[in-house]
Amino acid sequence: MDMQRARQILSADETVTVLHNGSPIWIKSLSSKNNTVMVWPIEDTGEVREVPVAELVEVQ
């Protein structure tokens, strides 16, 4: 995924399914400077992680 699409998903009114390493996540915030996003797992109350935006996959 690229930063522009991550930004669109973050501001979208509808829910968009996004995966990181095969697990569904929520995008919490973006860092254009580092090309990273802060994410947390949907199905778990796990901790927020910073990951490269390129590792995110949108499920169509």
Protein backbone atom coordinates (compact mmCIF):
# COMPACT_ATOMS: atom_id res chain seq x y z
CA MET A 1 0.00 0.00 0.00
CA ASP A 2 1.17 3.57 -0.48
CA MET A 3 0.85 6.51 1.88
CA GLN A 4 -1.87 8.23 -0.17
CA ARG A 5 -4.15 5.18 0.02
CA ALA A 6 -3.46 4.75 3.74
CA ARG A 7 -4.47 8.40 4.25
CA GLN A 8 -7.71 7.82 2.29
CA ILE A 9 -8.54 4.76 4.37
CA LEU A 10 -7.84 6.58 7.62
CA SER A 11 -10.27 9.37 6.72
CA ALA A 12 -12.91 7.13 5.06
CA ASP A 13 -16.44 6.97 6.48
CA GLU A 14 -16.76 3.30 5.63
CA THR A 15 -14.71 0.47 7.08
CA VAL A 16 -11.93 -0.76 4.82
CA THR A 17 -10.27 -4.08 5.66
CA VAL A 18 -6.50 -3.77 5.87
CA LEU A 19 -4.07 -6.55 6.72
CA HIS A 20 -0.59 -6.52 8.19
CA ASN A 21 1.18 -9.89 8.02
CA GLY A 22 -2.18 -11.53 7.32
CA SER A 23 -3.95 -10.07 10.37
CA PRO A 24 -6.65 -7.38 10.18
CA ILE A 25 -5.59 -4.04 11.68
CA TRP A 26 -6.84 -0.51 12.28
CA ILE A 27 -4.73 2.41 11.09
CA LYS A 28 -4.29 4.85 13.95
CA SER A 29 -1.98 7.47 12.42
CA LEU A 30 0.48 8.12 9.60
CA SER A 31 4.05 9.37 9.44
CA SER A 32 4.80 10.61 5.92
CA LYS A 33 8.30 11.51 7.00
CA ASN A 34 9.15 7.86 7.74
CA ASN A 35 6.59 6.20 5.41
CA THR A 36 5.22 4.36 8.42
CA VAL A 37 1.83 3.93 10.04
CA MET A 38 0.76 3.26 13.61
CA VAL A 39 -1.57 0.24 13.67
CA TRP A 40 -3.25 -2.03 16.17
CA PRO A 41 -4.91 -5.44 15.73
CA ILE A 42 -8.70 -5.51 15.28
CA GLU A 43 -9.24 -8.90 16.90
CA ASP A 44 -6.94 -8.31 19.83
CA THR A 45 -6.26 -5.58 22.33
CA GLY A 46 -2.58 -5.83 21.46
CA GLU A 47 -0.28 -2.88 21.51
CA VAL A 48 -0.01 -0.21 18.85
CA ARG A 49 2.92 -0.84 16.50
CA GLU A 50 4.72 1.28 13.95
CA VAL A 51 5.09 -0.54 10.63
CA PRO A 52 6.12 0.42 7.08
CA VAL A 53 3.10 1.45 5.01
CA ALA A 54 4.37 -0.81 2.22
CA GLU A 55 3.63 -3.86 4.43
CA LEU A 56 -0.13 -3.10 4.52
CA VAL A 57 -2.51 -4.89 2.17
CA GLU A 58 -6.03 -3.70 1.39
CA VAL A 59 -8.62 -6.47 1.06
CA GLN A 60 -10.91 -5.80 -1.88
